Amino acid sequence: MGRYIGPTDRISRALGVNLNLKGKRNEAGKCGITKGRARPGQHGQSRPKLSEYGIRLKEKQKLRFLYGLYEKQFKRYYDKATRMQGVTGENFVQLLEMRLDNVIYRMKFATTRAQARQYVGHGHILVDGKKVNIPSYQLKVGQVITIKASSHEFFKKELEGFNGTPAPTWLSVNEDIFSGSVLSKPIRSEIDTFNFIKENLIVEFYSR
């Protein structure tokens, strides 16, 4: 199955949480969740109670769609997290946060993760002065991420009027020169994903 290219609002409505997949359009209050719209489909309002499996699957889908990954990619991150020291669920989300496309989004150089992924693929991003066009590139503490100087005007135009959420404390950002660095690995309290994702249910889903 290929990447989902349909209306992003349907995903948020189906999962019952605003995943902020619409970027600047979310700021205008156009998300179906904030408008109180029901789940998509003929029986969106009358869906029966979810089973235990369905509850765990829903949590997994929330996280997968939030970061915009294929199922195989997503599962590989989980498998890697299980081999790391520490809590599997926290390791899992930390790996997703340290992806290059996500860091570009967190630095507010893109309005969505999908847009950030496109910018990386098109060669706009430099890591430690070298072009990196792999969105899944795993960043390390101390690495510096910049936008190519020739792309600055394009980014200024694209980000005009975009507020977004402040960059997290584990990142240092200089918006004037489109540059930033990774100060540390994110800890649980610094990742807002944990506010609406129950990662323990995802671990249970894959451990069944």
N, C-alpha and C. Protein backbone atom coordinates (compact mmCIF):
# COMPACT_ATOMS: atom_id res chain seq x y z
N MET A 1 0.84 -1.19 0.00
CA MET A 1 0.00 0.00 0.00
C MET A 1 0.87 1.24 0.00
N GLY A 2 0.59 2.21 -0.88
CA GLY A 2 1.39 3.42 -0.98
C GLY A 2 1.03 4.44 0.08
N ARG A 3 1.71 5.56 0.05
CA ARG A 3 1.46 6.62 1.01
C ARG A 3 0.08 7.22 0.79
N TYR A 4 -0.62 7.55 1.86
CA TYR A 4 -1.95 8.16 1.77
C TYR A 4 -1.82 9.56 1.19
N ILE A 5 -2.60 9.86 0.14
CA ILE A 5 -2.54 11.17 -0.50
C ILE A 5 -3.90 11.85 -0.53
N GLY A 6 -4.85 11.32 0.24
CA GLY A 6 -6.18 11.90 0.30
C GLY A 6 -6.24 13.09 1.25
N PRO A 7 -7.46 13.55 1.57
CA PRO A 7 -7.62 14.70 2.48
C PRO A 7 -7.06 14.39 3.87
N THR A 8 -6.15 15.20 4.35
CA THR A 8 -5.52 14.93 5.64
C THR A 8 -6.52 15.09 6.78
N ASP A 9 -7.54 15.91 6.59
CA ASP A 9 -8.51 16.13 7.65
C ASP A 9 -9.27 14.85 7.99
N ARG A 10 -9.44 13.97 7.02
CA ARG A 10 -10.14 12.71 7.26
C ARG A 10 -9.38 11.83 8.26
N ILE A 11 -8.05 11.92 8.21
CA ILE A 11 -7.24 11.12 9.14
C ILE A 11 -7.49 11.57 10.58
N SER A 12 -7.42 12.89 10.81
CA SER A 12 -7.65 13.42 12.15
C SER A 12 -9.05 13.08 12.64
N ARG A 13 -10.04 13.22 11.77
CA ARG A 13 -11.42 12.92 12.17
C ARG A 13 -11.60 11.43 12.47
N ALA A 14 -10.97 10.58 11.66
CA ALA A 14 -11.10 9.14 11.87
C ALA A 14 -10.47 8.70 13.18
N LEU A 15 -9.36 9.34 13.56
CA LEU A 15 -8.65 8.96 14.78
C LEU A 15 -9.10 9.76 16.00
N GLY A 16 -9.91 10.78 15.79
CA GLY A 16 -10.47 11.54 16.90
C GLY A 16 -9.53 12.51 17.56
N VAL A 17 -8.47 12.92 16.87
CA VAL A 17 -7.53 13.88 17.45
C VAL A 17 -6.93 14.71 16.33
N ASN A 18 -6.71 16.00 16.60
CA ASN A 18 -6.12 16.88 15.60
C ASN A 18 -4.62 16.62 15.53
N LEU A 19 -4.17 16.01 14.43
CA LEU A 19 -2.75 15.69 14.26
C LEU A 19 -1.96 16.82 13.61
N ASN A 20 -2.62 17.96 13.38
CA ASN A 20 -1.94 19.14 12.82
C ASN A 20 -1.29 18.83 11.48
N LEU A 21 -2.01 18.12 10.62
CA LEU A 21 -1.48 17.73 9.32
C LEU A 21 -1.72 18.78 8.25
N LYS A 22 -2.43 19.87 8.60
CA LYS A 22 -2.80 20.87 7.60
C LYS A 22 -1.93 22.12 7.63
N GLY A 23 -0.99 22.17 8.55
CA GLY A 23 -0.06 23.29 8.58
C GLY A 23 -0.74 24.62 8.84
N LYS A 24 -0.45 25.61 7.99
CA LYS A 24 -0.98 26.96 8.17
C LYS A 24 -2.50 26.99 8.14
N ARG A 25 -3.11 26.06 7.44
CA ARG A 25 -4.57 26.03 7.37
C ARG A 25 -5.19 25.68 8.71
N ASN A 26 -4.48 24.97 9.56
CA ASN A 26 -4.98 24.67 10.90
C ASN A 26 -5.17 25.94 11.71
N GLU A 27 -4.27 26.93 11.49
CA GLU A 27 -4.32 28.15 12.26
C GLU A 27 -5.58 28.95 11.98
N ALA A 28 -6.20 28.70 10.85
CA ALA A 28 -7.43 29.41 10.50
C ALA A 28 -8.66 28.70 11.07
N GLY A 29 -8.45 27.67 11.89
CA GLY A 29 -9.56 26.96 12.50
C GLY A 29 -10.34 26.10 11.54
N LYS A 30 -9.68 25.58 10.51
CA LYS A 30 -10.37 24.81 9.50
C LYS A 30 -10.33 23.31 9.74
N CYS A 31 -9.73 22.88 10.83
CA CYS A 31 -9.67 21.45 11.11
C CYS A 31 -11.04 20.94 11.53
N GLY A 32 -11.46 19.81 10.96
CA GLY A 32 -12.76 19.25 11.25
C GLY A 32 -12.95 18.91 12.71
N ILE A 33 -11.88 18.53 13.40
CA ILE A 33 -11.97 18.19 14.82
C ILE A 33 -12.41 19.40 15.63
N THR A 34 -11.79 20.55 15.37
CA THR A 34 -12.13 21.76 16.12
C THR A 34 -13.53 22.25 15.79
N LYS A 35 -14.04 21.87 14.64
CA LYS A 35 -15.40 22.25 14.25
C LYS A 35 -16.45 21.27 14.77
N GLY A 36 -15.98 20.19 15.40
CA GLY A 36 -16.91 19.22 15.94
C GLY A 36 -17.49 18.25 14.93
N ARG A 37 -16.83 18.10 13.78
CA ARG A 37 -17.33 17.18 12.77
C ARG A 37 -17.09 15.73 13.21
N ALA A 38 -18.02 14.85 12.80
CA ALA A 38 -17.94 13.44 13.20
C ALA A 38 -16.90 12.70 12.37
N ARG A 39 -16.69 11.44 12.73
CA ARG A 39 -15.83 10.57 11.94
C ARG A 39 -16.33 10.53 10.51
N PRO A 40 -15.43 10.39 9.53
CA PRO A 40 -15.86 10.29 8.14
C PRO A 40 -16.60 8.99 7.87
N GLY A 41 -17.43 9.00 6.86
CA GLY A 41 -18.15 7.79 6.50
C GLY A 41 -19.60 7.82 6.92
N GLN A 42 -20.39 6.94 6.33
CA GLN A 42 -21.83 6.90 6.57
C GLN A 42 -22.18 6.63 8.03
N HIS A 43 -21.35 5.82 8.68
CA HIS A 43 -21.64 5.44 10.06
C HIS A 43 -20.65 6.07 11.04
N GLY A 44 -20.18 7.24 10.70
CA GLY A 44 -19.16 7.89 11.53
C GLY A 44 -19.59 8.16 12.96
N GLN A 45 -20.87 8.46 13.17
CA GLN A 45 -21.34 8.79 14.51
C GLN A 45 -21.84 7.57 15.29
N SER A 46 -22.00 6.45 14.60
CA SER A 46 -22.62 5.30 15.26
C SER A 46 -21.69 4.10 15.35
N ARG A 47 -20.40 4.35 15.33
CA ARG A 47 -19.45 3.24 15.38
C ARG A 47 -19.52 2.55 16.73
N PRO A 48 -19.56 1.21 16.76
CA PRO A 48 -19.61 0.50 18.04
C PRO A 48 -18.32 0.69 18.84
N LYS A 49 -18.39 0.34 20.12
CA LYS A 49 -17.24 0.49 21.01
C LYS A 49 -16.07 -0.35 20.50
N LEU A 50 -14.87 0.25 20.58
CA LEU A 50 -13.68 -0.44 20.09
C LEU A 50 -13.29 -1.60 21.02
N SER A 51 -12.74 -2.65 20.43
CA SER A 51 -12.19 -3.75 21.20
C SER A 51 -10.83 -3.34 21.76
N GLU A 52 -10.25 -4.16 22.62
CA GLU A 52 -8.91 -3.88 23.14
C GLU A 52 -7.90 -3.77 22.00
N TYR A 53 -8.03 -4.67 21.03
CA TYR A 53 -7.14 -4.62 19.87
C TYR A 53 -7.34 -3.31 19.11
N GLY A 54 -8.62 -2.93 18.93
CA GLY A 54 -8.92 -1.71 18.19
C GLY A 54 -8.36 -0.47 18.87
N ILE A 55 -8.38 -0.45 20.20
CA ILE A 55 -7.83 0.69 20.94
C ILE A 55 -6.33 0.80 20.72
N ARG A 56 -5.63 -0.33 20.78
CA ARG A 56 -4.17 -0.32 20.57
C ARG A 56 -3.83 0.04 19.13
N LEU A 57 -4.60 -0.48 18.19
CA LEU A 57 -4.38 -0.16 16.78
C LEU A 57 -4.55 1.33 16.52
N LYS A 58 -5.57 1.92 17.14
CA LYS A 58 -5.83 3.35 16.97
C LYS A 58 -4.66 4.18 17.46
N GLU A 59 -4.08 3.83 18.60
CA GLU A 59 -2.92 4.56 19.12
C GLU A 59 -1.74 4.44 18.18
N LYS A 60 -1.55 3.24 17.63
CA LYS A 60 -0.44 3.03 16.70
C LYS A 60 -0.63 3.88 15.44
N GLN A 61 -1.86 3.93 14.95
CA GLN A 61 -2.14 4.71 13.74
C GLN A 61 -1.98 6.20 13.97
N LYS A 62 -2.33 6.67 15.16
CA LYS A 62 -2.13 8.08 15.49
C LYS A 62 -0.66 8.47 15.30
N LEU A 63 0.21 7.66 15.92
CA LEU A 63 1.64 7.97 15.88
C LEU A 63 2.20 7.81 14.47
N ARG A 64 1.76 6.79 13.77
CA ARG A 64 2.28 6.54 12.41
C ARG A 64 1.89 7.66 11.46
N PHE A 65 0.64 8.08 11.51
CA PHE A 65 0.20 9.16 10.62
C PHE A 65 0.79 10.50 11.05
N LEU A 66 1.01 10.69 12.34
CA LEU A 66 1.59 11.94 12.81
C LEU A 66 2.96 12.18 12.18
N TYR A 67 3.78 11.11 12.12
CA TYR A 67 5.12 11.23 11.55
C TYR A 67 5.16 10.88 10.06
N GLY A 68 4.04 10.44 9.50
CA GLY A 68 3.94 10.21 8.07
C GLY A 68 4.78 9.07 7.54
N LEU A 69 4.72 7.92 8.20
CA LEU A 69 5.56 6.79 7.81
C LEU A 69 4.73 5.63 7.26
N TYR A 70 5.38 4.83 6.41
CA TYR A 70 4.80 3.55 6.00
C TYR A 70 4.85 2.60 7.19
N GLU A 71 4.02 1.59 7.16
CA GLU A 71 3.97 0.62 8.25
C GLU A 71 5.31 -0.08 8.45
N LYS A 72 5.98 -0.49 7.36
CA LYS A 72 7.26 -1.18 7.49
C LYS A 72 8.31 -0.28 8.11
N GLN A 73 8.34 0.99 7.70
CA GLN A 73 9.28 1.93 8.29
C GLN A 73 9.01 2.07 9.78
N PHE A 74 7.75 2.24 10.10
CA PHE A 74 7.32 2.44 11.49
C PHE A 74 7.73 1.26 12.36
N LYS A 75 7.50 0.06 11.86
CA LYS A 75 7.82 -1.15 12.62
C LYS A 75 9.33 -1.28 12.82
N ARG A 76 10.12 -0.86 11.83
CA ARG A 76 11.57 -0.93 11.98
C ARG A 76 12.05 -0.05 13.13
N TYR A 77 11.43 1.14 13.29
CA TYR A 77 11.79 2.00 14.40
C TYR A 77 11.44 1.34 15.73
N TYR A 78 10.29 0.67 15.77
CA TYR A 78 9.90 -0.02 17.01
C TYR A 78 10.91 -1.13 17.33
N ASP A 79 11.28 -1.90 16.32
CA ASP A 79 12.24 -2.99 16.54
C ASP A 79 13.57 -2.45 17.04
N LYS A 80 13.99 -1.32 16.50
CA LYS A 80 15.24 -0.71 16.95
C LYS A 80 15.11 -0.24 18.39
N ALA A 81 13.95 0.32 18.75
CA ALA A 81 13.72 0.82 20.11
C ALA A 81 13.78 -0.30 21.13
N THR A 82 13.32 -1.50 20.73
CA THR A 82 13.33 -2.63 21.67
C THR A 82 14.75 -3.10 21.99
N ARG A 83 15.69 -2.80 21.09
CA ARG A 83 17.08 -3.22 21.30
C ARG A 83 17.90 -2.18 22.06
N MET A 84 17.30 -1.04 22.33
CA MET A 84 17.99 0.03 23.04
C MET A 84 17.77 -0.10 24.55
N GLN A 85 18.69 0.44 25.33
CA GLN A 85 18.50 0.47 26.77
C GLN A 85 17.44 1.50 27.13
N GLY A 86 16.70 1.23 28.20
CA GLY A 86 15.67 2.18 28.62
C GLY A 86 14.27 1.69 28.31
N VAL A 87 13.31 2.62 28.38
CA VAL A 87 11.90 2.30 28.16
C VAL A 87 11.61 2.27 26.66
N THR A 88 11.08 1.19 26.17
CA THR A 88 10.87 1.01 24.74
C THR A 88 10.01 2.12 24.13
N GLY A 89 8.89 2.45 24.78
CA GLY A 89 7.99 3.45 24.23
C GLY A 89 8.65 4.81 24.08
N GLU A 90 9.42 5.22 25.08
CA GLU A 90 10.10 6.51 25.02
C GLU A 90 11.22 6.47 23.98
N ASN A 91 11.95 5.37 23.91
CA ASN A 91 13.00 5.23 22.89
C ASN A 91 12.40 5.33 21.50
N PHE A 92 11.24 4.72 21.32
CA PHE A 92 10.55 4.70 20.03
C PHE A 92 10.25 6.11 19.55
N VAL A 93 9.62 6.90 20.41
CA VAL A 93 9.25 8.27 20.02
C VAL A 93 10.50 9.13 19.86
N GLN A 94 11.52 8.89 20.66
CA GLN A 94 12.76 9.65 20.55
C GLN A 94 13.42 9.44 19.19
N LEU A 95 13.42 8.20 18.70
CA LEU A 95 13.97 7.92 17.37
C LEU A 95 13.20 8.67 16.30
N LEU A 96 11.89 8.73 16.41
CA LEU A 96 11.07 9.44 15.43
C LEU A 96 11.35 10.95 15.49
N GLU A 97 11.55 11.46 16.71
CA GLU A 97 11.81 12.89 16.86
C GLU A 97 13.15 13.30 16.27
N MET A 98 14.12 12.41 16.28
CA MET A 98 15.46 12.73 15.81
C MET A 98 15.62 12.57 14.30
N ARG A 99 14.55 12.22 13.61
CA ARG A 99 14.59 12.19 12.15
C ARG A 99 14.82 13.61 11.61
N LEU A 100 15.54 13.73 10.51
CA LEU A 100 15.85 15.05 9.97
C LEU A 100 14.58 15.81 9.57
N ASP A 101 13.63 15.13 8.92
CA ASP A 101 12.43 15.85 8.50
C ASP A 101 11.64 16.37 9.70
N ASN A 102 11.60 15.60 10.79
CA ASN A 102 10.88 16.06 11.97
C ASN A 102 11.57 17.25 12.62
N VAL A 103 12.91 17.23 12.66
CA VAL A 103 13.65 18.34 13.25
C VAL A 103 13.44 19.62 12.45
N ILE A 104 13.40 19.52 11.13
CA ILE A 104 13.11 20.69 10.30
C ILE A 104 11.74 21.26 10.67
N TYR A 105 10.76 20.38 10.88
CA TYR A 105 9.43 20.81 11.28
C TYR A 105 9.46 21.42 12.68
N ARG A 106 10.17 20.80 13.61
CA ARG A 106 10.25 21.30 14.97
C ARG A 106 10.92 22.67 15.04
N MET A 107 11.85 22.92 14.11
CA MET A 107 12.53 24.21 14.08
C MET A 107 11.68 25.30 13.43
N LYS A 108 10.49 24.93 12.99
CA LYS A 108 9.54 25.85 12.32
C LYS A 108 10.06 26.33 10.96
N PHE A 109 10.85 25.49 10.29
CA PHE A 109 11.28 25.80 8.93
C PHE A 109 10.32 25.19 7.91
N ALA A 110 9.31 24.47 8.39
CA ALA A 110 8.27 23.90 7.54
C ALA A 110 6.97 23.89 8.34
N THR A 111 5.85 23.99 7.66
CA THR A 111 4.56 24.06 8.37
C THR A 111 4.01 22.68 8.71
N THR A 112 4.47 21.64 8.04
CA THR A 112 4.08 20.26 8.34
C THR A 112 5.28 19.35 8.16
N ARG A 113 5.18 18.16 8.70
CA ARG A 113 6.27 17.19 8.50
C ARG A 113 6.34 16.75 7.04
N ALA A 114 5.20 16.68 6.38
CA ALA A 114 5.20 16.30 4.97
C ALA A 114 5.95 17.34 4.13
N GLN A 115 5.75 18.60 4.46
CA GLN A 115 6.46 19.67 3.75
C GLN A 115 7.96 19.59 4.05
N ALA A 116 8.30 19.32 5.30
CA ALA A 116 9.71 19.20 5.68
C ALA A 116 10.36 18.05 4.92
N ARG A 117 9.64 16.95 4.78
CA ARG A 117 10.16 15.79 4.05
C ARG A 117 10.46 16.17 2.59
N GLN A 118 9.58 16.96 2.02
CA GLN A 118 9.77 17.39 0.63
C GLN A 118 10.99 18.31 0.52
N TYR A 119 11.17 19.21 1.46
CA TYR A 119 12.32 20.11 1.43
C TYR A 119 13.64 19.34 1.50
N VAL A 120 13.67 18.31 2.36
CA VAL A 120 14.88 17.50 2.46
C VAL A 120 15.14 16.77 1.15
N GLY A 121 14.10 16.17 0.60
CA GLY A 121 14.25 15.43 -0.65
C GLY A 121 14.69 16.29 -1.81
N HIS A 122 14.32 17.57 -1.78
CA HIS A 122 14.68 18.48 -2.87
C HIS A 122 16.04 19.13 -2.67
N GLY A 123 16.74 18.74 -1.61
CA GLY A 123 18.12 19.21 -1.44
C GLY A 123 18.28 20.60 -0.84
N HIS A 124 17.28 21.10 -0.12
CA HIS A 124 17.38 22.42 0.49
C HIS A 124 18.15 22.41 1.81
N ILE A 125 18.38 21.22 2.39
CA ILE A 125 18.87 21.12 3.77
C ILE A 125 20.33 20.68 3.82
N LEU A 126 21.09 21.34 4.69
CA LEU A 126 22.49 20.97 4.94
C LEU A 126 22.63 20.51 6.39
N VAL A 127 23.39 19.46 6.59
CA VAL A 127 23.73 18.99 7.94
C VAL A 127 25.24 19.06 8.08
N ASP A 128 25.71 19.88 9.02
CA ASP A 128 27.15 20.13 9.19
C ASP A 128 27.78 20.58 7.88
N GLY A 129 27.04 21.39 7.12
CA GLY A 129 27.56 21.96 5.89
C GLY A 129 27.46 21.08 4.66
N LYS A 130 26.94 19.86 4.80
CA LYS A 130 26.83 18.94 3.67
C LYS A 130 25.37 18.66 3.36
N LYS A 131 25.04 18.61 2.08
CA LYS A 131 23.65 18.37 1.68
C LYS A 131 23.23 16.96 2.06
N VAL A 132 22.07 16.87 2.69
CA VAL A 132 21.47 15.58 3.03
C VAL A 132 20.06 15.55 2.46
N ASN A 133 19.77 14.57 1.63
CA ASN A 133 18.45 14.50 1.01
C ASN A 133 17.68 13.24 1.44
N ILE A 134 17.99 12.74 2.61
CA ILE A 134 17.32 11.56 3.16
C ILE A 134 16.48 12.00 4.36
N PRO A 135 15.15 12.05 4.24
CA PRO A 135 14.30 12.54 5.34
C PRO A 135 14.46 11.75 6.63
N SER A 136 14.78 10.45 6.53
CA SER A 136 14.88 9.61 7.73
C SER A 136 16.26 9.69 8.39
N TYR A 137 17.14 10.53 7.88
CA TYR A 137 18.49 10.66 8.44
C TYR A 137 18.39 10.91 9.94
N GLN A 138 19.10 10.09 10.74
CA GLN A 138 19.07 10.22 12.19
C GLN A 138 20.13 11.20 12.65
N LEU A 139 19.67 12.30 13.23
CA LEU A 139 20.58 13.33 13.70
C LEU A 139 21.22 12.94 15.03
N LYS A 140 22.38 13.52 15.28
CA LYS A 140 23.10 13.29 16.52
C LYS A 140 23.26 14.61 17.27
N VAL A 141 23.48 14.50 18.57
CA VAL A 141 23.67 15.69 19.39
C VAL A 141 24.89 16.47 18.89
N GLY A 142 24.73 17.77 18.73
CA GLY A 142 25.81 18.63 18.27
C GLY A 142 25.78 18.95 16.79
N GLN A 143 25.00 18.21 16.02
CA GLN A 143 24.96 18.48 14.57
C GLN A 143 24.19 19.77 14.28
N VAL A 144 24.65 20.47 13.25
CA VAL A 144 24.07 21.76 12.86
C VAL A 144 23.28 21.59 11.57
N ILE A 145 22.05 22.09 11.59
CA ILE A 145 21.15 21.98 10.43
C ILE A 145 20.91 23.38 9.88
N THR A 146 21.10 23.56 8.59
CA THR A 146 20.90 24.86 7.97
C THR A 146 20.14 24.71 6.64
N ILE A 147 19.54 25.82 6.25
CA ILE A 147 18.90 25.91 4.93
C ILE A 147 19.91 26.51 3.97
N LYS A 148 20.03 25.94 2.79
CA LYS A 148 20.96 26.48 1.80
C LYS A 148 20.71 27.98 1.60
N ALA A 149 21.78 28.75 1.52
CA ALA A 149 21.66 30.21 1.37
C ALA A 149 20.83 30.58 0.15
N SER A 150 20.96 29.82 -0.92
CA SER A 150 20.22 30.12 -2.15
C SER A 150 18.72 29.89 -2.00
N SER A 151 18.30 29.22 -0.91
CA SER A 151 16.88 28.91 -0.69
C SER A 151 16.23 29.83 0.34
N HIS A 152 16.98 30.76 0.91
CA HIS A 152 16.45 31.60 1.99
C HIS A 152 15.22 32.39 1.57
N GLU A 153 15.25 33.02 0.41
CA GLU A 153 14.12 33.84 -0.02
C GLU A 153 12.87 32.98 -0.22
N PHE A 154 13.06 31.80 -0.75
CA PHE A 154 11.93 30.88 -0.94
C PHE A 154 11.31 30.53 0.41
N PHE A 155 12.14 30.23 1.40
CA PHE A 155 11.62 29.85 2.71
C PHE A 155 10.94 31.02 3.41
N LYS A 156 11.48 32.22 3.25
CA LYS A 156 10.85 33.40 3.85
C LYS A 156 9.44 33.59 3.32
N LYS A 157 9.27 33.37 2.03
CA LYS A 157 7.95 33.51 1.41
C LYS A 157 7.00 32.41 1.87
N GLU A 158 7.51 31.17 1.92
CA GLU A 158 6.68 30.04 2.30
C GLU A 158 6.22 30.13 3.76
N LEU A 159 7.05 30.67 4.63
CA LEU A 159 6.75 30.71 6.05
C LEU A 159 6.10 32.00 6.51
N GLU A 160 5.86 32.91 5.57
CA GLU A 160 5.24 34.19 5.91
C GLU A 160 3.86 33.96 6.55
N GLY A 161 3.66 34.53 7.71
CA GLY A 161 2.38 34.40 8.41
C GLY A 161 2.22 33.12 9.21
N PHE A 162 3.25 32.27 9.23
CA PHE A 162 3.16 31.01 9.97
C PHE A 162 3.72 31.21 11.37
N ASN A 163 2.93 30.84 12.37
CA ASN A 163 3.37 30.97 13.76
C ASN A 163 3.88 29.63 14.29
N GLY A 164 3.00 28.63 14.30
CA GLY A 164 3.41 27.32 14.77
C GLY A 164 3.74 27.33 16.26
N THR A 165 4.14 26.18 16.77
CA THR A 165 4.52 26.08 18.19
C THR A 165 6.00 26.39 18.35
N PRO A 166 6.41 26.92 19.49
CA PRO A 166 7.83 27.24 19.70
C PRO A 166 8.69 25.99 19.56
N ALA A 167 9.92 26.20 19.13
CA ALA A 167 10.86 25.08 19.01
C ALA A 167 11.12 24.50 20.40
N PRO A 168 11.24 23.17 20.52
CA PRO A 168 11.48 22.55 21.83
C PRO A 168 12.86 22.91 22.37
N THR A 169 13.03 22.71 23.67
CA THR A 169 14.26 23.14 24.34
C THR A 169 15.48 22.30 23.96
N TRP A 170 15.26 21.13 23.36
CA TRP A 170 16.42 20.30 22.99
C TRP A 170 17.02 20.75 21.65
N LEU A 171 16.42 21.78 21.06
CA LEU A 171 16.93 22.35 19.82
C LEU A 171 17.27 23.82 20.01
N SER A 172 18.33 24.26 19.33
CA SER A 172 18.69 25.67 19.29
C SER A 172 18.40 26.18 17.88
N VAL A 173 17.68 27.29 17.77
CA VAL A 173 17.26 27.77 16.46
C VAL A 173 17.56 29.25 16.29
N ASN A 174 18.13 29.62 15.15
CA ASN A 174 18.31 31.01 14.76
C ASN A 174 17.48 31.23 13.49
N GLU A 175 16.27 31.75 13.66
CA GLU A 175 15.36 31.89 12.53
C GLU A 175 15.85 32.91 11.51
N ASP A 176 16.66 33.88 11.93
CA ASP A 176 17.14 34.92 11.02
C ASP A 176 18.05 34.37 9.93
N ILE A 177 18.83 33.34 10.26
CA ILE A 177 19.74 32.76 9.28
C ILE A 177 19.37 31.33 8.92
N PHE A 178 18.15 30.92 9.32
CA PHE A 178 17.66 29.58 9.01
C PHE A 178 18.68 28.50 9.40
N SER A 179 19.04 28.52 10.65
CA SER A 179 20.02 27.57 11.14
C SER A 179 19.63 27.10 12.54
N GLY A 180 20.08 25.91 12.91
CA GLY A 180 19.81 25.40 14.24
C GLY A 180 20.70 24.21 14.52
N SER A 181 20.66 23.76 15.76
CA SER A 181 21.49 22.62 16.13
C SER A 181 20.76 21.77 17.16
N VAL A 182 21.21 20.53 17.30
CA VAL A 182 20.64 19.60 18.27
C VAL A 182 21.45 19.71 19.55
N LEU A 183 20.82 20.21 20.61
CA LEU A 183 21.52 20.41 21.88
C LEU A 183 21.61 19.14 22.70
N SER A 184 20.57 18.32 22.61
CA SER A 184 20.53 17.08 23.39
C SER A 184 19.46 16.17 22.80
N LYS A 185 19.44 14.93 23.25
CA LYS A 185 18.36 14.05 22.86
C LYS A 185 17.10 14.44 23.63
N PRO A 186 15.95 14.44 22.98
CA PRO A 186 14.73 14.85 23.69
C PRO A 186 14.33 13.85 24.77
N ILE A 187 13.89 14.37 25.90
CA ILE A 187 13.37 13.52 26.96
C ILE A 187 11.84 13.62 26.95
N ARG A 188 11.20 12.77 27.70
CA ARG A 188 9.75 12.66 27.66
C ARG A 188 9.04 14.00 27.85
N SER A 189 9.47 14.79 28.83
CA SER A 189 8.80 16.06 29.13
C SER A 189 8.95 17.09 28.01
N GLU A 190 9.89 16.86 27.08
CA GLU A 190 10.14 17.82 26.01
C GLU A 190 9.45 17.44 24.70
N ILE A 191 8.73 16.32 24.69
CA ILE A 191 8.08 15.84 23.47
C ILE A 191 6.57 15.96 23.64
N ASP A 192 5.95 16.90 22.92
CA ASP A 192 4.51 17.11 23.09
C ASP A 192 3.68 15.94 22.56
N THR A 193 4.29 15.07 21.78
CA THR A 193 3.57 13.89 21.26
C THR A 193 2.98 13.06 22.40
N PHE A 194 3.67 13.04 23.55
CA PHE A 194 3.21 12.24 24.68
C PHE A 194 1.94 12.82 25.31
N ASN A 195 1.55 14.04 24.91
CA ASN A 195 0.35 14.63 25.48
C ASN A 195 -0.92 13.93 25.00
N PHE A 196 -0.86 13.33 23.81
CA PHE A 196 -2.09 12.70 23.28
C PHE A 196 -1.84 11.29 22.73
N ILE A 197 -0.63 10.77 22.89
CA ILE A 197 -0.32 9.41 22.46
C ILE A 197 0.03 8.56 23.68
N LYS A 198 -0.61 7.41 23.81
CA LYS A 198 -0.29 6.47 24.89
C LYS A 198 0.65 5.41 24.31
N GLU A 199 1.93 5.69 24.42
CA GLU A 199 2.92 4.83 23.76
C GLU A 199 2.93 3.41 24.33
N ASN A 200 2.48 3.24 25.58
CA ASN A 200 2.44 1.89 26.15
C ASN A 200 1.47 0.98 25.40
N LEU A 201 0.41 1.57 24.84
CA LEU A 201 -0.54 0.78 24.06
C LEU A 201 0.07 0.34 22.73
N ILE A 202 0.97 1.16 22.19
CA ILE A 202 1.64 0.80 20.94
C ILE A 202 2.61 -0.35 21.19
N VAL A 203 3.30 -0.28 22.32
CA VAL A 203 4.20 -1.37 22.69
C VAL A 203 3.40 -2.66 22.87
N GLU A 204 2.24 -2.57 23.50
CA GLU A 204 1.38 -3.73 23.69
C GLU A 204 0.89 -4.26 22.34
N PHE A 205 0.61 -3.36 21.40
CA PHE A 205 0.13 -3.77 20.08
C PHE A 205 1.17 -4.64 19.37
N TYR A 206 2.43 -4.21 19.39
CA TYR A 206 3.48 -4.95 18.70
C TYR A 206 3.99 -6.15 19.49
N SER A 207 3.69 -6.18 20.80
CA SER A 207 4.17 -7.27 21.63
C SER A 207 3.19 -8.43 21.72
N ARG A 208 2.03 -8.27 21.11
CA ARG A 208 0.97 -9.28 21.27
C ARG A 208 1.36 -10.62 20.63
